[in-house]
Amino acid sequence: MRWPTIEQISAMTPLPTGYRFAPLHTADIAPLVTAIRDWFPSVAAGVGSCYLADSFYTEKVVLDDQTDRDVIALLIKHGDDLVGMGSWERECAAMTLYARLGVIAPAHRGARLAVLAMELGEKMGRAMGAGFIYTMATMKMPQMQRALEHAGYQLIGFVPGYDREEVSPGVIKRVIEAVYAKRLAPADAFLWPEAQNMTPATKRLYDIIFSSD
């Protein structure tokens, strides 16, 4: 699974006039960390807190000429101004893509940038040969859930207490998040489970989630 080039990415999902995707360079790390801290302050407490650490980018993320890494963080710029970031993680052994953190500057949240970034993740996954893309959505507000459902993602369950958030100054709570997924491979690429191999509880939930299949 090889990440597409910035030229391929820009062709996959054109952004509105004035906006563009840009690769991450070392000089971008400090302003990106500052922006994430300003736009999404609650990220400081949980799994996304790695996005506030320089070492995360220098060791884990596609950066400058280090392109064979498992996490990519694409900047969204308006002119020369940083206005957003979307990131994904490839899971090469499973040929799966995980949509990680995405943030948009408040002044630009009406430009459908998050929706377009979501579409880009799916297109990158298909181009890279991924059979499956998944992500998690907050349950503190419905906007992300609605966006994923509108994009054809399927709610497949909940993770109780997987992540932590600072819900008020100095107060950190474990949060329940919704898990959404989208199949990218054709149906005949899947080994579908048989009823006799599921417990009654598993089958009840399976029948609800995959009723259309």
N, C-alpha and C. Protein backbone atom coordinates (compact mmCIF):
# COMPACT_ATOMS: atom_id res chain seq x y z
N MET A 1 0.85 -1.20 0.00
CA MET A 1 0.00 0.00 0.00
C MET A 1 0.89 1.25 0.00
N ARG A 2 0.88 1.95 -1.12
CA ARG A 2 1.70 3.15 -1.24
C ARG A 2 0.80 4.38 -1.26
N TRP A 3 1.19 5.38 -0.51
CA TRP A 3 0.42 6.62 -0.50
C TRP A 3 0.48 7.28 -1.87
N PRO A 4 -0.63 7.83 -2.35
CA PRO A 4 -0.58 8.57 -3.62
C PRO A 4 0.21 9.86 -3.45
N THR A 5 0.69 10.39 -4.55
CA THR A 5 1.42 11.66 -4.52
C THR A 5 0.45 12.81 -4.31
N ILE A 6 0.98 13.97 -3.97
CA ILE A 6 0.12 15.14 -3.76
C ILE A 6 -0.59 15.51 -5.05
N GLU A 7 0.04 15.28 -6.19
CA GLU A 7 -0.61 15.56 -7.47
C GLU A 7 -1.80 14.61 -7.69
N GLN A 8 -1.61 13.34 -7.36
CA GLN A 8 -2.70 12.38 -7.48
C GLN A 8 -3.82 12.70 -6.51
N ILE A 9 -3.46 13.09 -5.31
CA ILE A 9 -4.46 13.45 -4.29
C ILE A 9 -5.29 14.63 -4.76
N SER A 10 -4.64 15.66 -5.28
CA SER A 10 -5.34 16.85 -5.73
C SER A 10 -6.29 16.53 -6.88
N ALA A 11 -5.90 15.58 -7.74
CA ALA A 11 -6.77 15.18 -8.85
C ALA A 11 -7.94 14.33 -8.36
N MET A 12 -7.72 13.52 -7.32
CA MET A 12 -8.79 12.67 -6.80
C MET A 12 -9.94 13.48 -6.25
N THR A 13 -9.62 14.52 -5.51
CA THR A 13 -10.65 15.30 -4.82
C THR A 13 -10.32 16.79 -4.92
N PRO A 14 -10.75 17.45 -5.98
CA PRO A 14 -10.53 18.89 -6.09
C PRO A 14 -11.25 19.63 -4.96
N LEU A 15 -10.59 20.62 -4.41
CA LEU A 15 -11.17 21.44 -3.35
C LEU A 15 -11.79 22.69 -3.95
N PRO A 16 -12.64 23.39 -3.18
CA PRO A 16 -13.23 24.64 -3.70
C PRO A 16 -12.15 25.64 -4.11
N THR A 17 -12.53 26.57 -4.95
CA THR A 17 -11.60 27.58 -5.45
C THR A 17 -10.88 28.28 -4.30
N GLY A 18 -9.57 28.35 -4.41
CA GLY A 18 -8.76 29.01 -3.38
C GLY A 18 -8.15 28.07 -2.37
N TYR A 19 -8.67 26.83 -2.32
CA TYR A 19 -8.16 25.85 -1.37
C TYR A 19 -7.31 24.81 -2.09
N ARG A 20 -6.39 24.19 -1.37
CA ARG A 20 -5.56 23.15 -1.95
C ARG A 20 -5.03 22.22 -0.86
N PHE A 21 -4.75 21.00 -1.24
CA PHE A 21 -4.04 20.07 -0.37
C PHE A 21 -2.55 20.35 -0.48
N ALA A 22 -1.84 20.17 0.62
CA ALA A 22 -0.39 20.37 0.62
C ALA A 22 0.25 19.27 1.47
N PRO A 23 1.42 18.79 1.07
CA PRO A 23 2.12 17.78 1.88
C PRO A 23 2.69 18.41 3.14
N LEU A 24 3.04 17.57 4.09
CA LEU A 24 3.63 18.05 5.34
C LEU A 24 5.14 18.09 5.24
N HIS A 25 5.72 19.22 5.61
CA HIS A 25 7.16 19.38 5.68
C HIS A 25 7.56 19.70 7.12
N THR A 26 8.81 19.51 7.42
CA THR A 26 9.28 19.75 8.78
C THR A 26 8.92 21.14 9.28
N ALA A 27 9.04 22.14 8.41
CA ALA A 27 8.73 23.52 8.81
C ALA A 27 7.26 23.73 9.13
N ASP A 28 6.40 22.79 8.71
CA ASP A 28 4.96 22.92 8.96
C ASP A 28 4.54 22.40 10.33
N ILE A 29 5.41 21.64 10.99
CA ILE A 29 5.00 20.96 12.22
C ILE A 29 4.59 21.94 13.30
N ALA A 30 5.42 22.93 13.60
CA ALA A 30 5.12 23.86 14.69
C ALA A 30 3.81 24.62 14.46
N PRO A 31 3.59 25.23 13.27
CA PRO A 31 2.31 25.91 13.07
C PRO A 31 1.12 24.96 13.08
N LEU A 32 1.30 23.71 12.62
CA LEU A 32 0.20 22.76 12.65
C LEU A 32 -0.16 22.41 14.09
N VAL A 33 0.82 22.14 14.91
CA VAL A 33 0.56 21.83 16.33
C VAL A 33 -0.17 22.99 17.00
N THR A 34 0.26 24.21 16.75
CA THR A 34 -0.40 25.38 17.33
C THR A 34 -1.85 25.47 16.86
N ALA A 35 -2.07 25.22 15.57
CA ALA A 35 -3.43 25.30 15.03
C ALA A 35 -4.33 24.23 15.64
N ILE A 36 -3.84 22.99 15.73
CA ILE A 36 -4.65 21.93 16.33
C ILE A 36 -5.01 22.26 17.77
N ARG A 37 -4.04 22.79 18.50
CA ARG A 37 -4.30 23.16 19.90
C ARG A 37 -5.39 24.23 19.99
N ASP A 38 -5.39 25.17 19.04
CA ASP A 38 -6.37 26.25 19.05
C ASP A 38 -7.74 25.77 18.57
N TRP A 39 -7.77 24.96 17.52
CA TRP A 39 -9.04 24.55 16.90
C TRP A 39 -9.72 23.42 17.65
N PHE A 40 -8.94 22.58 18.35
CA PHE A 40 -9.49 21.36 18.95
C PHE A 40 -8.83 21.14 20.31
N PRO A 41 -9.07 22.04 21.27
CA PRO A 41 -8.33 21.97 22.55
C PRO A 41 -8.56 20.69 23.34
N SER A 42 -9.72 20.04 23.19
CA SER A 42 -9.98 18.84 23.99
C SER A 42 -9.13 17.66 23.55
N VAL A 43 -8.43 17.76 22.41
CA VAL A 43 -7.59 16.67 21.93
C VAL A 43 -6.39 16.42 22.84
N ALA A 44 -6.08 17.39 23.70
CA ALA A 44 -4.88 17.30 24.53
C ALA A 44 -4.90 16.13 25.51
N ALA A 45 -6.07 15.58 25.82
CA ALA A 45 -6.14 14.57 26.86
C ALA A 45 -6.13 13.13 26.35
N GLY A 46 -6.50 12.90 25.09
CA GLY A 46 -6.73 11.54 24.66
C GLY A 46 -5.75 11.01 23.64
N VAL A 47 -6.24 10.04 22.85
CA VAL A 47 -5.37 9.36 21.89
C VAL A 47 -4.86 10.33 20.83
N GLY A 48 -5.62 11.39 20.57
CA GLY A 48 -5.19 12.38 19.59
C GLY A 48 -4.13 13.33 20.08
N SER A 49 -3.75 13.22 21.35
CA SER A 49 -2.75 14.13 21.90
C SER A 49 -1.40 13.98 21.20
N CYS A 50 -1.18 12.85 20.52
CA CYS A 50 0.08 12.68 19.79
C CYS A 50 0.25 13.75 18.72
N TYR A 51 -0.86 14.31 18.25
CA TYR A 51 -0.79 15.34 17.22
C TYR A 51 -0.26 16.67 17.76
N LEU A 52 -0.03 16.73 19.06
CA LEU A 52 0.55 17.92 19.67
C LEU A 52 2.03 17.74 19.97
N ALA A 53 2.58 16.59 19.58
CA ALA A 53 3.99 16.28 19.86
C ALA A 53 4.80 16.25 18.57
N ASP A 54 5.86 17.03 18.51
CA ASP A 54 6.71 17.06 17.32
C ASP A 54 7.22 15.67 16.95
N SER A 55 7.54 14.85 17.96
CA SER A 55 8.12 13.54 17.70
C SER A 55 7.17 12.63 16.93
N PHE A 56 5.87 12.81 17.09
CA PHE A 56 4.90 12.01 16.35
C PHE A 56 5.11 12.20 14.85
N TYR A 57 5.28 13.43 14.44
CA TYR A 57 5.45 13.73 13.01
C TYR A 57 6.82 13.28 12.50
N THR A 58 7.85 13.52 13.29
CA THR A 58 9.19 13.19 12.82
C THR A 58 9.46 11.69 12.80
N GLU A 59 8.68 10.92 13.58
CA GLU A 59 8.91 9.48 13.65
C GLU A 59 7.85 8.64 12.93
N LYS A 60 6.62 9.14 12.82
CA LYS A 60 5.52 8.29 12.36
C LYS A 60 4.84 8.73 11.07
N VAL A 61 4.97 10.02 10.72
CA VAL A 61 4.15 10.60 9.66
C VAL A 61 4.96 10.83 8.39
N VAL A 62 4.33 10.67 7.25
CA VAL A 62 4.95 11.01 5.97
C VAL A 62 5.43 12.46 6.04
N LEU A 63 6.72 12.67 5.84
CA LEU A 63 7.32 13.98 6.08
C LEU A 63 8.51 14.18 5.15
N ASP A 64 8.52 15.30 4.44
CA ASP A 64 9.62 15.59 3.52
C ASP A 64 9.84 14.39 2.58
N ASP A 65 11.01 13.78 2.63
CA ASP A 65 11.28 12.65 1.72
C ASP A 65 11.02 11.29 2.37
N GLN A 66 10.48 11.30 3.61
CA GLN A 66 10.15 10.04 4.30
C GLN A 66 8.71 9.66 3.95
N THR A 67 8.52 9.03 2.81
CA THR A 67 7.17 8.77 2.32
C THR A 67 6.65 7.38 2.66
N ASP A 68 7.53 6.47 3.08
CA ASP A 68 7.11 5.10 3.37
C ASP A 68 6.82 4.94 4.86
N ARG A 69 5.87 5.73 5.33
CA ARG A 69 5.43 5.65 6.73
C ARG A 69 3.94 5.38 6.75
N ASP A 70 3.45 4.91 7.90
CA ASP A 70 2.08 4.42 7.95
C ASP A 70 1.02 5.49 8.17
N VAL A 71 1.42 6.70 8.54
CA VAL A 71 0.46 7.79 8.77
C VAL A 71 0.75 8.91 7.79
N ILE A 72 -0.30 9.45 7.18
CA ILE A 72 -0.16 10.62 6.33
C ILE A 72 -1.02 11.74 6.90
N ALA A 73 -0.48 12.94 6.92
CA ALA A 73 -1.21 14.12 7.37
C ALA A 73 -1.16 15.14 6.24
N LEU A 74 -2.31 15.40 5.65
CA LEU A 74 -2.39 16.34 4.54
C LEU A 74 -2.89 17.68 5.05
N LEU A 75 -2.17 18.72 4.72
CA LEU A 75 -2.58 20.07 5.09
C LEU A 75 -3.61 20.57 4.08
N ILE A 76 -4.53 21.39 4.55
CA ILE A 76 -5.45 22.10 3.68
C ILE A 76 -5.12 23.58 3.82
N LYS A 77 -4.82 24.21 2.70
CA LYS A 77 -4.44 25.61 2.73
C LYS A 77 -5.41 26.44 1.89
N HIS A 78 -5.60 27.68 2.34
CA HIS A 78 -6.36 28.67 1.59
C HIS A 78 -5.37 29.77 1.25
N GLY A 79 -4.94 29.80 0.00
CA GLY A 79 -3.79 30.63 -0.32
C GLY A 79 -2.58 30.04 0.38
N ASP A 80 -1.93 30.86 1.19
CA ASP A 80 -0.79 30.37 1.97
C ASP A 80 -1.16 30.07 3.42
N ASP A 81 -2.44 30.24 3.78
CA ASP A 81 -2.87 30.07 5.16
C ASP A 81 -3.27 28.62 5.44
N LEU A 82 -2.82 28.09 6.55
CA LEU A 82 -3.22 26.76 6.99
C LEU A 82 -4.63 26.84 7.57
N VAL A 83 -5.56 26.07 7.00
CA VAL A 83 -6.95 26.13 7.46
C VAL A 83 -7.50 24.75 7.83
N GLY A 84 -6.69 23.70 7.68
CA GLY A 84 -7.20 22.38 8.03
C GLY A 84 -6.14 21.30 7.86
N MET A 85 -6.48 20.12 8.34
CA MET A 85 -5.59 18.96 8.23
C MET A 85 -6.44 17.69 8.30
N GLY A 86 -6.12 16.74 7.45
CA GLY A 86 -6.74 15.43 7.52
C GLY A 86 -5.66 14.37 7.58
N SER A 87 -5.87 13.32 8.37
CA SER A 87 -4.84 12.30 8.50
C SER A 87 -5.46 10.90 8.47
N TRP A 88 -4.67 9.98 7.94
CA TRP A 88 -5.10 8.59 7.79
C TRP A 88 -3.94 7.67 8.14
N GLU A 89 -4.26 6.45 8.53
CA GLU A 89 -3.23 5.45 8.83
C GLU A 89 -3.50 4.20 8.00
N ARG A 90 -2.47 3.70 7.32
CA ARG A 90 -2.61 2.47 6.57
C ARG A 90 -2.25 1.29 7.46
N GLU A 91 -2.98 0.19 7.30
CA GLU A 91 -2.68 -1.05 8.00
C GLU A 91 -2.38 -2.07 6.92
N CYS A 92 -1.10 -2.14 6.56
CA CYS A 92 -0.70 -2.85 5.34
C CYS A 92 -1.03 -4.34 5.37
N ALA A 93 -0.84 -5.00 6.51
CA ALA A 93 -1.09 -6.44 6.56
C ALA A 93 -2.57 -6.75 6.31
N ALA A 94 -3.44 -5.90 6.83
CA ALA A 94 -4.88 -6.09 6.64
C ALA A 94 -5.39 -5.39 5.38
N MET A 95 -4.57 -4.56 4.76
CA MET A 95 -4.97 -3.73 3.62
C MET A 95 -6.24 -2.95 3.97
N THR A 96 -6.09 -2.18 5.05
CA THR A 96 -7.18 -1.40 5.63
C THR A 96 -6.71 0.02 5.86
N LEU A 97 -7.63 0.97 5.82
CA LEU A 97 -7.30 2.37 6.07
C LEU A 97 -8.12 2.87 7.26
N TYR A 98 -7.45 3.54 8.18
CA TYR A 98 -8.10 4.11 9.36
C TYR A 98 -8.07 5.63 9.23
N ALA A 99 -9.23 6.25 9.20
CA ALA A 99 -9.32 7.69 9.15
C ALA A 99 -9.09 8.24 10.56
N ARG A 100 -7.97 8.92 10.75
CA ARG A 100 -7.58 9.40 12.07
C ARG A 100 -8.13 10.82 12.30
N LEU A 101 -7.30 11.69 12.79
CA LEU A 101 -7.75 13.02 13.17
C LEU A 101 -7.91 13.93 11.96
N GLY A 102 -8.98 14.70 11.97
CA GLY A 102 -9.19 15.76 10.99
C GLY A 102 -9.65 17.01 11.72
N VAL A 103 -9.11 18.16 11.34
CA VAL A 103 -9.49 19.42 11.97
C VAL A 103 -9.60 20.50 10.89
N ILE A 104 -10.56 21.40 11.08
CA ILE A 104 -10.77 22.52 10.17
C ILE A 104 -10.86 23.79 11.01
N ALA A 105 -10.24 24.86 10.55
CA ALA A 105 -10.32 26.14 11.24
C ALA A 105 -11.78 26.60 11.29
N PRO A 106 -12.24 27.13 12.42
CA PRO A 106 -13.65 27.52 12.55
C PRO A 106 -14.16 28.42 11.42
N ALA A 107 -13.34 29.34 10.95
CA ALA A 107 -13.77 30.28 9.92
C ALA A 107 -13.99 29.61 8.56
N HIS A 108 -13.55 28.37 8.41
CA HIS A 108 -13.65 27.69 7.11
C HIS A 108 -14.53 26.44 7.17
N ARG A 109 -15.31 26.30 8.22
CA ARG A 109 -16.11 25.08 8.37
C ARG A 109 -17.36 25.05 7.51
N GLY A 110 -17.63 26.12 6.78
CA GLY A 110 -18.78 26.11 5.88
C GLY A 110 -18.40 25.76 4.45
N ALA A 111 -17.15 25.43 4.21
CA ALA A 111 -16.67 25.19 2.84
C ALA A 111 -16.69 23.71 2.46
N ARG A 112 -17.27 22.85 3.27
CA ARG A 112 -17.39 21.41 3.02
C ARG A 112 -16.03 20.72 2.96
N LEU A 113 -15.04 21.29 3.62
CA LEU A 113 -13.70 20.71 3.56
C LEU A 113 -13.64 19.35 4.24
N ALA A 114 -14.35 19.21 5.37
CA ALA A 114 -14.36 17.93 6.07
C ALA A 114 -15.01 16.84 5.24
N VAL A 115 -16.10 17.19 4.53
CA VAL A 115 -16.78 16.22 3.67
C VAL A 115 -15.87 15.79 2.54
N LEU A 116 -15.17 16.75 1.94
CA LEU A 116 -14.28 16.43 0.83
C LEU A 116 -13.09 15.60 1.31
N ALA A 117 -12.58 15.90 2.50
CA ALA A 117 -11.49 15.09 3.05
C ALA A 117 -11.96 13.66 3.30
N MET A 118 -13.21 13.52 3.73
CA MET A 118 -13.77 12.18 3.94
C MET A 118 -13.83 11.42 2.61
N GLU A 119 -14.26 12.10 1.56
CA GLU A 119 -14.30 11.49 0.24
C GLU A 119 -12.90 11.10 -0.22
N LEU A 120 -11.92 11.95 0.07
CA LEU A 120 -10.55 11.67 -0.31
C LEU A 120 -10.05 10.39 0.35
N GLY A 121 -10.35 10.20 1.63
CA GLY A 121 -9.91 9.00 2.32
C GLY A 121 -10.38 7.74 1.63
N GLU A 122 -11.65 7.74 1.22
CA GLU A 122 -12.21 6.59 0.52
C GLU A 122 -11.51 6.38 -0.82
N LYS A 123 -11.27 7.46 -1.55
CA LYS A 123 -10.63 7.35 -2.86
C LYS A 123 -9.18 6.88 -2.72
N MET A 124 -8.48 7.40 -1.73
CA MET A 124 -7.11 6.93 -1.50
C MET A 124 -7.11 5.45 -1.16
N GLY A 125 -8.05 5.04 -0.30
CA GLY A 125 -8.12 3.64 0.08
C GLY A 125 -8.30 2.73 -1.12
N ARG A 126 -9.23 3.07 -1.99
CA ARG A 126 -9.45 2.26 -3.20
C ARG A 126 -8.20 2.23 -4.07
N ALA A 127 -7.57 3.39 -4.25
CA ALA A 127 -6.39 3.46 -5.10
C ALA A 127 -5.23 2.66 -4.52
N MET A 128 -5.18 2.53 -3.20
CA MET A 128 -4.10 1.80 -2.54
C MET A 128 -4.41 0.32 -2.38
N GLY A 129 -5.61 -0.09 -2.77
CA GLY A 129 -5.98 -1.49 -2.67
C GLY A 129 -6.62 -1.88 -1.35
N ALA A 130 -7.00 -0.89 -0.53
CA ALA A 130 -7.64 -1.20 0.75
C ALA A 130 -9.05 -1.75 0.52
N GLY A 131 -9.43 -2.72 1.33
CA GLY A 131 -10.76 -3.29 1.21
C GLY A 131 -11.75 -2.71 2.20
N PHE A 132 -11.28 -1.81 3.06
CA PHE A 132 -12.09 -1.40 4.21
C PHE A 132 -11.52 -0.09 4.75
N ILE A 133 -12.37 0.86 5.09
CA ILE A 133 -11.94 2.08 5.76
C ILE A 133 -12.86 2.29 6.97
N TYR A 134 -12.29 2.73 8.07
CA TYR A 134 -13.10 2.92 9.28
C TYR A 134 -12.63 4.14 10.05
N THR A 135 -13.49 4.60 10.95
CA THR A 135 -13.16 5.75 11.79
C THR A 135 -14.07 5.74 13.00
N MET A 136 -13.86 6.69 13.89
CA MET A 136 -14.68 6.84 15.08
C MET A 136 -15.22 8.26 15.13
N ALA A 137 -16.44 8.40 15.64
CA ALA A 137 -17.09 9.70 15.70
C ALA A 137 -17.52 10.01 17.13
N THR A 138 -17.35 11.26 17.51
CA THR A 138 -17.78 11.68 18.83
C THR A 138 -19.29 11.58 18.98
N MET A 139 -19.73 11.36 20.20
CA MET A 139 -21.16 11.34 20.49
C MET A 139 -21.57 12.55 21.33
N LYS A 140 -20.67 13.55 21.37
CA LYS A 140 -21.01 14.79 22.07
C LYS A 140 -21.84 15.72 21.19
N MET A 141 -21.81 15.46 19.90
CA MET A 141 -22.57 16.26 18.94
C MET A 141 -22.84 15.38 17.72
N PRO A 142 -23.93 15.65 16.97
CA PRO A 142 -24.31 14.73 15.89
C PRO A 142 -23.70 15.03 14.53
N GLN A 143 -23.00 16.15 14.37
CA GLN A 143 -22.59 16.57 13.03
C GLN A 143 -21.71 15.54 12.32
N MET A 144 -20.72 15.00 13.02
CA MET A 144 -19.83 14.05 12.39
C MET A 144 -20.56 12.75 12.06
N GLN A 145 -21.45 12.33 12.94
CA GLN A 145 -22.24 11.13 12.67
C GLN A 145 -23.06 11.31 11.40
N ARG A 146 -23.70 12.47 11.28
CA ARG A 146 -24.52 12.74 10.10
C ARG A 146 -23.68 12.77 8.83
N ALA A 147 -22.50 13.37 8.92
CA ALA A 147 -21.64 13.47 7.74
C ALA A 147 -21.21 12.08 7.28
N LEU A 148 -20.85 11.21 8.21
CA LEU A 148 -20.43 9.86 7.86
C LEU A 148 -21.59 9.07 7.26
N GLU A 149 -22.75 9.18 7.86
CA GLU A 149 -23.91 8.45 7.35
C GLU A 149 -24.29 8.95 5.96
N HIS A 150 -24.19 10.27 5.75
CA HIS A 150 -24.50 10.84 4.43
C HIS A 150 -23.51 10.34 3.38
N ALA A 151 -22.25 10.09 3.82
CA ALA A 151 -21.21 9.61 2.90
C ALA A 151 -21.28 8.11 2.68
N GLY A 152 -22.25 7.43 3.27
CA GLY A 152 -22.42 6.01 3.04
C GLY A 152 -21.68 5.11 4.01
N TYR A 153 -21.14 5.70 5.08
CA TYR A 153 -20.50 4.87 6.10
C TYR A 153 -21.58 4.20 6.95
N GLN A 154 -21.25 3.05 7.50
CA GLN A 154 -22.20 2.26 8.28
C GLN A 154 -21.78 2.26 9.75
N LEU A 155 -22.73 2.53 10.60
CA LEU A 155 -22.48 2.41 12.03
C LEU A 155 -22.37 0.93 12.38
N ILE A 156 -21.24 0.52 12.94
CA ILE A 156 -21.05 -0.90 13.24
C ILE A 156 -20.92 -1.18 14.73
N GLY A 157 -20.98 -0.14 15.56
CA GLY A 157 -20.91 -0.39 17.00
C GLY A 157 -20.39 0.82 17.75
N PHE A 158 -20.07 0.58 19.01
CA PHE A 158 -19.62 1.64 19.90
C PHE A 158 -18.41 1.15 20.69
N VAL A 159 -17.53 2.08 21.03
CA VAL A 159 -16.40 1.74 21.88
C VAL A 159 -16.56 2.50 23.19
N PRO A 160 -16.89 1.80 24.26
CA PRO A 160 -17.13 2.47 25.54
C PRO A 160 -15.84 2.72 26.30
N GLY A 161 -15.46 3.97 26.38
CA GLY A 161 -14.29 4.33 27.18
C GLY A 161 -12.97 4.17 26.49
N TYR A 162 -12.96 3.99 25.16
CA TYR A 162 -11.70 3.83 24.45
C TYR A 162 -10.83 5.08 24.56
N ASP A 163 -11.44 6.25 24.45
CA ASP A 163 -10.67 7.48 24.44
C ASP A 163 -11.03 8.35 25.64
N ARG A 164 -10.22 9.41 25.82
CA ARG A 164 -10.45 10.35 26.91
C ARG A 164 -10.51 11.76 26.35
N GLU A 165 -11.32 12.61 26.99
CA GLU A 165 -11.41 14.01 26.59
C GLU A 165 -11.45 14.88 27.83
N GLU A 166 -10.92 16.09 27.68
CA GLU A 166 -11.05 17.09 28.73
C GLU A 166 -12.40 17.77 28.55
N VAL A 167 -13.36 17.44 29.39
CA VAL A 167 -14.72 17.93 29.23
C VAL A 167 -14.93 19.31 29.83
N SER A 168 -14.06 19.69 30.74
CA SER A 168 -14.02 21.04 31.31
C SER A 168 -12.60 21.21 31.85
N PRO A 169 -12.19 22.43 32.12
CA PRO A 169 -10.79 22.64 32.54
C PRO A 169 -10.38 21.73 33.70
N GLY A 170 -9.41 20.87 33.42
CA GLY A 170 -8.89 19.98 34.45
C GLY A 170 -9.70 18.73 34.70
N VAL A 171 -10.83 18.57 34.02
CA VAL A 171 -11.69 17.40 34.23
C VAL A 171 -11.64 16.51 32.99
N ILE A 172 -11.10 15.31 33.14
CA ILE A 172 -10.94 14.38 32.03
C ILE A 172 -11.86 13.18 32.25
N LYS A 173 -12.62 12.84 31.23
CA LYS A 173 -13.55 11.72 31.29
C LYS A 173 -13.29 10.76 30.13
N ARG A 174 -13.54 9.48 30.37
CA ARG A 174 -13.55 8.52 29.28
C ARG A 174 -14.83 8.71 28.48
N VAL A 175 -14.72 8.60 27.16
CA VAL A 175 -15.87 8.88 26.31
C VAL A 175 -16.25 7.66 25.48
N ILE A 176 -17.52 7.60 25.15
CA ILE A 176 -18.04 6.55 24.26
C ILE A 176 -18.07 7.13 22.85
N GLU A 177 -17.52 6.40 21.89
CA GLU A 177 -17.50 6.85 20.51
C GLU A 177 -18.20 5.83 19.61
N ALA A 178 -18.75 6.35 18.52
CA ALA A 178 -19.40 5.49 17.53
C ALA A 178 -18.38 5.08 16.47
N VAL A 179 -18.42 3.81 16.08
CA VAL A 179 -17.51 3.29 15.07
C VAL A 179 -18.25 3.19 13.74
N TYR A 180 -17.68 3.81 12.72
CA TYR A 180 -18.26 3.79 11.38
C TYR A 180 -17.28 3.15 10.41
N ALA A 181 -17.81 2.44 9.43
CA ALA A 181 -16.96 1.76 8.46
C ALA A 181 -17.60 1.75 7.09
N LYS A 182 -16.76 1.56 6.09
CA LYS A 182 -17.26 1.44 4.71
C LYS A 182 -16.45 0.38 4.00
N ARG A 183 -17.14 -0.56 3.37
CA ARG A 183 -16.46 -1.59 2.59
C ARG A 183 -16.02 -1.00 1.26
N LEU A 184 -14.77 -1.23 0.90
CA LEU A 184 -14.25 -0.76 -0.38
C LEU A 184 -14.07 -1.89 -1.37
N ALA A 185 -13.89 -3.09 -0.88
CA ALA A 185 -13.74 -4.25 -1.76
C ALA A 185 -15.11 -4.79 -2.15
N PRO A 186 -15.21 -5.49 -3.29
CA PRO A 186 -16.51 -6.06 -3.71
C PRO A 186 -16.95 -7.18 -2.76
N ALA A 187 -18.25 -7.46 -2.79
CA ALA A 187 -18.82 -8.43 -1.85
C ALA A 187 -18.18 -9.81 -1.97
N ASP A 188 -17.76 -10.18 -3.19
CA ASP A 188 -17.20 -11.53 -3.34
C ASP A 188 -15.79 -11.66 -2.79
N ALA A 189 -15.23 -10.55 -2.29
CA ALA A 189 -13.91 -10.61 -1.65
C ALA A 189 -14.01 -10.95 -0.17
N PHE A 190 -15.25 -11.04 0.35
CA PHE A 190 -15.45 -11.26 1.78
C PHE A 190 -15.88 -12.69 2.07
N LEU A 191 -15.40 -13.21 3.20
CA LEU A 191 -15.89 -14.48 3.72
C LEU A 191 -17.00 -14.14 4.70
N TRP A 192 -18.23 -14.34 4.28
CA TRP A 192 -19.36 -13.96 5.13
C TRP A 192 -19.61 -15.05 6.16
N PRO A 193 -19.86 -14.69 7.42
CA PRO A 193 -20.02 -15.69 8.48
C PRO A 193 -21.32 -16.48 8.34
N GLU A 194 -21.30 -17.69 8.85
CA GLU A 194 -22.48 -18.53 8.84
C GLU A 194 -23.14 -18.50 10.22
N ALA A 195 -24.45 -18.64 10.23
CA ALA A 195 -25.23 -18.47 11.45
C ALA A 195 -24.77 -19.42 12.56
N GLN A 196 -24.40 -20.64 12.21
CA GLN A 196 -24.03 -21.62 13.23
C GLN A 196 -22.72 -21.27 13.93
N ASN A 197 -21.98 -20.32 13.36
CA ASN A 197 -20.71 -19.91 13.97
C ASN A 197 -20.83 -18.67 14.83
N MET A 198 -22.07 -18.22 15.05
CA MET A 198 -22.31 -17.03 15.88
C MET A 198 -23.14 -17.39 17.10
N THR A 199 -22.83 -16.78 18.21
CA THR A 199 -23.69 -16.93 19.38
C THR A 199 -25.00 -16.19 19.10
N PRO A 200 -26.06 -16.47 19.85
CA PRO A 200 -27.33 -15.76 19.63
C PRO A 200 -27.18 -14.24 19.75
N ALA A 201 -26.40 -13.81 20.73
CA ALA A 201 -26.23 -12.36 20.90
C ALA A 201 -25.49 -11.76 19.70
N THR A 202 -24.46 -12.45 19.24
CA THR A 202 -23.72 -11.97 18.08
C THR A 202 -24.61 -11.92 16.85
N LYS A 203 -25.41 -12.94 16.65
CA LYS A 203 -26.26 -12.98 15.46
C LYS A 203 -27.33 -11.89 15.49
N ARG A 204 -27.88 -11.62 16.67
CA ARG A 204 -28.90 -10.56 16.76
C ARG A 204 -28.32 -9.23 16.32
N LEU A 205 -27.12 -8.91 16.80
CA LEU A 205 -26.50 -7.64 16.43
C LEU A 205 -26.07 -7.66 14.96
N TYR A 206 -25.53 -8.78 14.52
CA TYR A 206 -25.10 -8.90 13.12
C TYR A 206 -26.28 -8.67 12.18
N ASP A 207 -27.42 -9.26 12.49
CA ASP A 207 -28.60 -9.13 11.64
C ASP A 207 -29.07 -7.68 11.57
N ILE A 208 -28.92 -6.96 12.67
CA ILE A 208 -29.32 -5.55 12.68
C ILE A 208 -28.36 -4.72 11.83
N ILE A 209 -27.07 -4.91 12.06
CA ILE A 209 -26.08 -4.08 11.37
C ILE A 209 -26.03 -4.39 9.88
N PHE A 210 -26.12 -5.67 9.52
CA PHE A 210 -25.96 -6.06 8.13
C PHE A 210 -27.28 -6.52 7.51
N SER A 211 -28.36 -5.91 7.93
CA SER A 211 -29.68 -6.32 7.41
C SER A 211 -29.78 -6.15 5.90
N SER A 212 -29.06 -5.19 5.31
CA SER A 212 -29.13 -4.96 3.87
C SER A 212 -28.35 -6.00 3.09
N ASP A 213 -27.50 -6.78 3.78
CA ASP A 213 -26.70 -7.79 3.09
C ASP A 213 -27.37 -9.16 3.10
